[in-house]
N, C-alpha and C. Protein backbone atom coordinates (compact mmCIF):
# COMPACT_ATOMS: atom_id res chain seq x y z
N MET A 1 0.77 -0.65 0.26
CA MET A 1 0.39 -0.08 0.01
C MET A 1 1.00 1.37 0.11
N ALA A 2 0.52 2.13 -0.84
CA ALA A 2 1.37 3.26 -0.84
C ALA A 2 1.40 4.75 0.41
N LYS A 3 2.05 4.89 0.70
CA LYS A 3 2.03 6.35 2.07
C LYS A 3 1.13 6.64 1.73
N THR A 4 0.36 7.02 2.87
CA THR A 4 -0.92 7.51 3.10
C THR A 4 -0.60 9.14 3.34
N PRO A 5 -0.91 9.84 2.37
CA PRO A 5 -0.40 11.85 2.87
C PRO A 5 -1.02 12.19 3.73
N GLU A 6 -0.63 13.26 4.46
CA GLU A 6 -1.18 13.89 5.05
C GLU A 6 -2.63 14.37 5.15
N ILE A 7 -3.41 14.90 5.79
CA ILE A 7 -4.83 15.64 5.33
C ILE A 7 -4.62 17.03 6.41
N SER A 8 -4.53 17.80 4.76
CA SER A 8 -4.22 18.90 5.26
C SER A 8 -6.05 20.03 5.98
N GLU A 9 -5.67 21.18 6.46
CA GLU A 9 -6.63 21.57 7.25
C GLU A 9 -7.79 22.02 6.47
N GLY A 10 -7.68 22.46 5.30
CA GLY A 10 -8.16 22.70 4.26
C GLY A 10 -9.03 21.14 3.80
N VAL A 11 -8.40 20.40 3.59
CA VAL A 11 -8.86 18.42 2.89
C VAL A 11 -10.10 17.63 3.71
N ALA A 12 -9.68 18.50 5.66
CA ALA A 12 -10.06 18.63 6.76
C ALA A 12 -11.47 18.67 6.75
N ILE A 13 -11.51 19.92 7.02
CA ILE A 13 -12.60 20.76 6.28
C ILE A 13 -13.73 20.90 5.14
N GLU A 14 -13.51 20.80 4.26
CA GLU A 14 -14.01 20.16 3.21
C GLU A 14 -14.81 18.57 3.29
N ALA A 15 -13.82 17.96 3.93
CA ALA A 15 -14.22 16.69 4.17
C ALA A 15 -16.17 16.26 5.33
N ASN A 16 -14.98 17.06 6.30
CA ASN A 16 -16.36 17.13 6.81
C ASN A 16 -17.70 17.67 6.52
N GLN A 17 -17.25 18.36 5.39
CA GLN A 17 -18.62 19.57 4.91
C GLN A 17 -18.64 18.34 4.60
N ARG A 18 -18.55 18.06 3.26
CA ARG A 18 -19.25 16.84 2.57
C ARG A 18 -19.67 15.84 3.08
N LEU A 19 -19.05 14.63 4.47
CA LEU A 19 -19.90 13.82 5.10
C LEU A 19 -21.03 14.35 5.73
N ARG A 20 -20.91 15.92 6.49
CA ARG A 20 -22.30 16.18 6.83
C ARG A 20 -23.76 15.91 6.27
N ALA A 21 -23.02 16.68 4.67
CA ALA A 21 -23.57 17.42 3.52
C ALA A 21 -24.49 16.42 3.18
N ALA A 22 -23.72 15.57 3.19
CA ALA A 22 -24.22 13.64 2.31
C ALA A 22 -25.46 13.21 3.64
N LEU A 23 -25.16 13.14 4.50
CA LEU A 23 -25.91 12.38 5.69
C LEU A 23 -26.90 13.25 5.57
N ARG A 24 -27.44 14.51 5.21
CA ARG A 24 -28.73 15.16 5.49
C ARG A 24 -29.64 14.97 4.20
N LYS A 25 -28.97 15.46 3.08
CA LYS A 25 -28.98 14.56 1.90
C LYS A 25 -29.69 13.97 1.59
N GLY A 26 -29.08 12.23 3.17
CA GLY A 26 -29.63 10.95 2.88
C GLY A 26 -31.11 10.77 3.71
N GLY A 27 -31.35 12.15 4.43
CA GLY A 27 -32.52 11.99 5.16
C GLY A 27 -31.67 11.40 6.63
N ARG A 28 -30.86 11.96 6.61
CA ARG A 28 -29.87 11.19 7.72
C ARG A 28 -29.83 12.23 9.19
N GLY A 29 -30.36 13.71 8.92
CA GLY A 29 -29.16 15.12 9.88
C GLY A 29 -29.02 15.02 11.14
N ASP A 30 -30.32 13.63 11.41
CA ASP A 30 -29.74 13.17 13.48
C ASP A 30 -28.24 12.95 13.21
N LEU A 31 -27.55 12.04 12.17
CA LEU A 31 -26.05 11.94 12.18
C LEU A 31 -25.35 12.92 11.98
N ALA A 32 -26.47 13.74 10.94
CA ALA A 32 -24.79 14.94 10.23
C ALA A 32 -24.38 15.58 11.50
N SER A 33 -25.39 15.93 12.75
CA SER A 33 -25.06 17.15 13.83
C SER A 33 -24.68 15.63 14.61
N SER A 34 -24.87 14.46 15.14
CA SER A 34 -23.61 13.49 16.21
C SER A 34 -22.90 12.83 16.05
N LEU A 35 -22.61 12.59 14.52
CA LEU A 35 -21.77 11.15 14.16
C LEU A 35 -19.68 12.93 14.69
N LEU A 36 -18.84 12.44 15.28
CA LEU A 36 -17.65 12.58 16.07
C LEU A 36 -16.73 12.56 13.96
N ILE A 37 -16.16 13.07 13.82
CA ILE A 37 -15.35 12.58 12.52
C ILE A 37 -14.02 14.13 13.35
N GLU A 38 -12.79 12.92 12.47
CA GLU A 38 -11.69 14.12 13.41
C GLU A 38 -10.54 13.65 12.57
N SER A 39 -9.69 14.17 11.94
CA SER A 39 -8.62 13.85 11.49
C SER A 39 -7.51 13.83 11.46
N LYS A 40 -6.39 12.86 11.56
CA LYS A 40 -5.55 12.12 12.45
C LYS A 40 -4.82 11.65 11.53
N ARG A 41 -3.08 12.53 11.14
CA ARG A 41 -2.32 12.31 10.03
C ARG A 41 -2.96 12.18 8.79
N GLY A 42 -2.88 10.48 8.33
CA GLY A 42 -3.58 10.79 6.72
C GLY A 42 -4.86 10.10 7.01
N TYR A 43 -6.29 9.89 7.73
CA TYR A 43 -7.32 9.70 8.49
C TYR A 43 -8.21 10.13 8.92
N LEU A 44 -9.25 10.32 8.05
CA LEU A 44 -10.68 10.57 8.57
C LEU A 44 -11.34 9.33 9.53
N TYR A 45 -11.20 9.81 11.07
CA TYR A 45 -12.05 8.59 11.89
C TYR A 45 -13.04 9.33 12.15
N ILE A 46 -14.20 8.68 11.94
CA ILE A 46 -15.20 8.64 12.75
C ILE A 46 -15.97 7.28 13.22
N ALA A 47 -16.79 8.99 14.06
CA ALA A 47 -17.37 7.48 15.11
C ALA A 47 -18.53 8.47 15.94
N GLU A 48 -19.07 7.00 16.90
CA GLU A 48 -20.65 7.52 17.45
C GLU A 48 -21.00 8.88 18.14
N ALA A 49 -21.86 9.92 18.49
CA ALA A 49 -21.52 10.56 19.57
C ALA A 49 -21.05 9.48 20.86
N ASN A 50 -21.06 9.00 21.51
CA ASN A 50 -21.07 8.62 22.79
C ASN A 50 -19.22 7.79 21.88
N GLY A 51 -18.50 7.68 21.14
CA GLY A 51 -17.17 7.71 21.22
C GLY A 51 -16.87 6.14 20.87
N SER A 52 -18.31 5.99 20.21
CA SER A 52 -17.91 4.53 19.44
C SER A 52 -17.29 3.83 18.02
N PRO A 53 -16.58 4.33 18.62
CA PRO A 53 -15.65 4.18 16.09
C PRO A 53 -16.68 2.85 15.59
N VAL A 54 -16.80 3.90 14.34
CA VAL A 54 -17.43 3.30 13.27
C VAL A 54 -16.34 2.79 11.93
N CYS A 55 -15.73 3.63 11.39
CA CYS A 55 -14.64 3.83 10.90
C CYS A 55 -13.68 4.36 10.23
N ARG A 56 -12.58 4.49 9.45
CA ARG A 56 -11.91 5.56 9.14
C ARG A 56 -11.75 5.28 7.65
N LEU A 57 -11.21 6.39 6.78
CA LEU A 57 -11.17 6.83 5.60
C LEU A 57 -10.07 7.63 5.32
N ARG A 58 -8.86 6.21 4.64
CA ARG A 58 -7.85 7.12 4.11
C ARG A 58 -7.57 7.69 3.07
N TYR A 59 -6.94 8.82 3.58
CA TYR A 59 -6.98 9.71 2.13
C TYR A 59 -5.89 9.17 1.14
N THR A 60 -5.93 9.04 0.09
CA THR A 60 -5.11 8.74 -1.14
C THR A 60 -4.45 9.96 -1.70
N GLY A 61 -4.85 10.86 -0.92
CA GLY A 61 -4.29 12.25 -1.77
C GLY A 61 -5.15 12.97 -2.86
N ALA A 62 -6.17 12.32 -2.83
CA ALA A 62 -7.34 13.19 -4.45
C ALA A 62 -9.26 12.91 -3.02
N MET A 63 -9.15 14.33 -2.77
CA MET A 63 -10.95 14.55 -2.62
C MET A 63 -12.28 13.34 -3.39
N ASP A 64 -11.80 12.81 -4.04
CA ASP A 64 -13.03 12.12 -4.42
C ASP A 64 -12.68 10.15 -5.12
N ASP A 65 -11.74 10.64 -3.76
CA ASP A 65 -11.08 8.79 -3.83
C ASP A 65 -10.29 8.65 -2.39
N TRP A 66 -11.67 7.73 -1.42
CA TRP A 66 -10.66 7.33 -0.50
C TRP A 66 -10.81 5.95 0.39
N ASP A 67 -10.58 5.21 -0.01
CA ASP A 67 -10.20 3.84 1.39
C ASP A 67 -11.22 3.72 2.89
N LEU A 68 -12.24 2.77 2.53
CA LEU A 68 -12.66 2.54 3.69
C LEU A 68 -12.78 1.89 4.29
N GLN A 69 -12.50 1.41 5.84
CA GLN A 69 -11.77 0.40 6.95
C GLN A 69 -13.07 0.76 7.80
N MET A 70 -13.76 -0.42 7.97
CA MET A 70 -14.51 -0.20 8.62
C MET A 70 -13.99 -0.39 9.94
N PHE A 71 -14.58 -0.19 11.50
CA PHE A 71 -13.90 -0.59 12.62
C PHE A 71 -14.69 -2.51 13.00
N LYS A 72 -14.28 -3.16 13.19
CA LYS A 72 -13.79 -4.95 13.52
C LYS A 72 -14.71 -4.82 14.90
N TRP A 73 -15.53 -4.63 15.71
CA TRP A 73 -15.70 -5.57 17.18
C TRP A 73 -14.54 -6.10 17.59
N SER A 74 -15.13 -7.72 16.35
CA SER A 74 -14.25 -8.98 16.98
C SER A 74 -13.25 -8.25 17.55
N THR A 75 -12.25 -8.29 16.39
CA THR A 75 -10.75 -7.69 16.96
C THR A 75 -10.42 -6.81 17.62
N GLU A 76 -11.41 -5.19 17.34
CA GLU A 76 -11.14 -4.09 17.84
C GLU A 76 -10.32 -3.34 16.92
N ARG A 77 -10.13 -3.61 15.50
CA ARG A 77 -9.00 -2.91 14.81
C ARG A 77 -10.10 -2.18 13.80
N TYR A 78 -9.29 -1.57 12.94
CA TYR A 78 -10.35 -0.83 11.40
C TYR A 78 -9.27 -2.04 10.77
N ASP A 79 -10.77 -2.70 10.09
CA ASP A 79 -10.39 -3.98 8.60
C ASP A 79 -9.56 -2.95 7.39
N THR A 80 -8.23 -3.48 6.77
CA THR A 80 -7.09 -3.58 6.27
C THR A 80 -7.14 -4.85 4.90
N GLY A 81 -8.04 -5.20 5.33
CA GLY A 81 -7.90 -6.44 4.91
C GLY A 81 -8.99 -7.25 3.56
N GLY A 82 -9.66 -5.51 3.27
CA GLY A 82 -10.90 -5.81 2.81
C GLY A 82 -12.11 -6.73 2.64
N ASP A 83 -12.47 -7.34 4.30
CA ASP A 83 -13.40 -8.36 4.48
C ASP A 83 -15.07 -7.14 4.28
N PHE A 84 -14.81 -5.93 4.08
CA PHE A 84 -16.17 -6.33 4.04
C PHE A 84 -16.29 -5.16 1.96
N MET A 85 -17.84 -5.37 1.56
CA MET A 85 -18.12 -6.02 0.49
C MET A 85 -17.74 -4.28 -0.64
N PHE A 86 -16.74 -2.95 0.55
CA PHE A 86 -17.62 -1.49 0.20
C PHE A 86 -15.83 -1.93 0.39
N ASP A 87 -15.24 -1.05 -0.28
CA ASP A 87 -13.59 -0.98 0.47
C ASP A 87 -13.31 0.91 -0.39
N GLY A 88 -14.12 1.45 -1.00
CA GLY A 88 -13.92 2.98 -0.79
C GLY A 88 -14.75 3.68 -2.42
N GLY A 89 -14.36 4.62 -2.01
CA GLY A 89 -15.17 5.32 -3.39
C GLY A 89 -15.32 6.71 -2.65
N THR A 90 -15.73 8.01 -3.11
CA THR A 90 -15.88 9.21 -2.85
C THR A 90 -16.51 9.57 -1.78
N LEU A 91 -16.79 10.42 -1.00
CA LEU A 91 -16.46 10.57 0.81
C LEU A 91 -18.31 10.22 0.95
N GLU A 92 -18.77 10.57 -0.22
CA GLU A 92 -20.21 9.93 -0.19
C GLU A 92 -20.71 8.42 0.00
N GLU A 93 -20.24 8.08 -1.02
CA GLU A 93 -19.92 6.52 -0.82
C GLU A 93 -19.88 6.08 0.36
N CYS A 94 -18.88 6.49 0.89
CA CYS A 94 -18.04 5.83 2.55
C CYS A 94 -19.21 5.89 3.19
N ILE A 95 -19.72 6.83 3.11
CA ILE A 95 -20.35 7.16 4.29
C ILE A 95 -21.88 6.48 4.47
N GLY A 96 -21.97 6.53 2.88
CA GLY A 96 -23.58 5.82 3.03
C GLY A 96 -23.28 4.00 3.54
N ALA A 97 -21.76 3.93 3.07
CA ALA A 97 -21.66 1.80 3.17
C ALA A 97 -21.50 2.40 4.42
N ALA A 98 -20.84 3.32 5.09
CA ALA A 98 -20.14 2.84 6.92
C ALA A 98 -21.71 2.32 7.37
N ILE A 99 -22.62 4.28 7.43
CA ILE A 99 -23.55 4.00 8.46
C ILE A 99 -24.59 2.59 7.44
N GLY A 100 -24.61 1.88 6.49
CA GLY A 100 -25.27 1.11 6.08
C GLY A 100 -25.04 -0.10 6.66
N GLY A 101 -23.64 -0.65 6.67
CA GLY A 101 -23.02 -1.55 7.83
C GLY A 101 -22.98 -1.41 8.65
N TYR A 102 -23.96 -0.27 9.24
CA TYR A 102 -23.72 -0.89 10.97
C TYR A 102 -24.76 -0.34 11.48
N GLN A 103 -25.93 -0.21 10.24
CA GLN A 103 -27.10 0.12 10.46
C GLN A 103 -27.47 0.77 11.52
N LEU A 104 -26.66 2.23 11.56
CA LEU A 104 -26.82 3.43 11.74
C LEU A 104 -28.05 4.43 12.32
């Protein structure tokens, strides 16, 4: 796997806005206002309001191409082996797959 680029403040802000807009557009305004989204190094970490991890999105260097890594409670780690049927795409596709995967 290629080195994960750092996420700049501008990319983090735009990604946060796009993720929340996608949730609102999909009728999930409750999640748009309650999900925690935090940028650390080359990842966006997404968690429920209580801090329970949902997934992380690995930045590839392009705003429309992110790798989705769901949090696996069975191992308490993020899935990097492709156990989930969807492994990445746009921010909007990733958040849709993540909330569908956990039925949030």
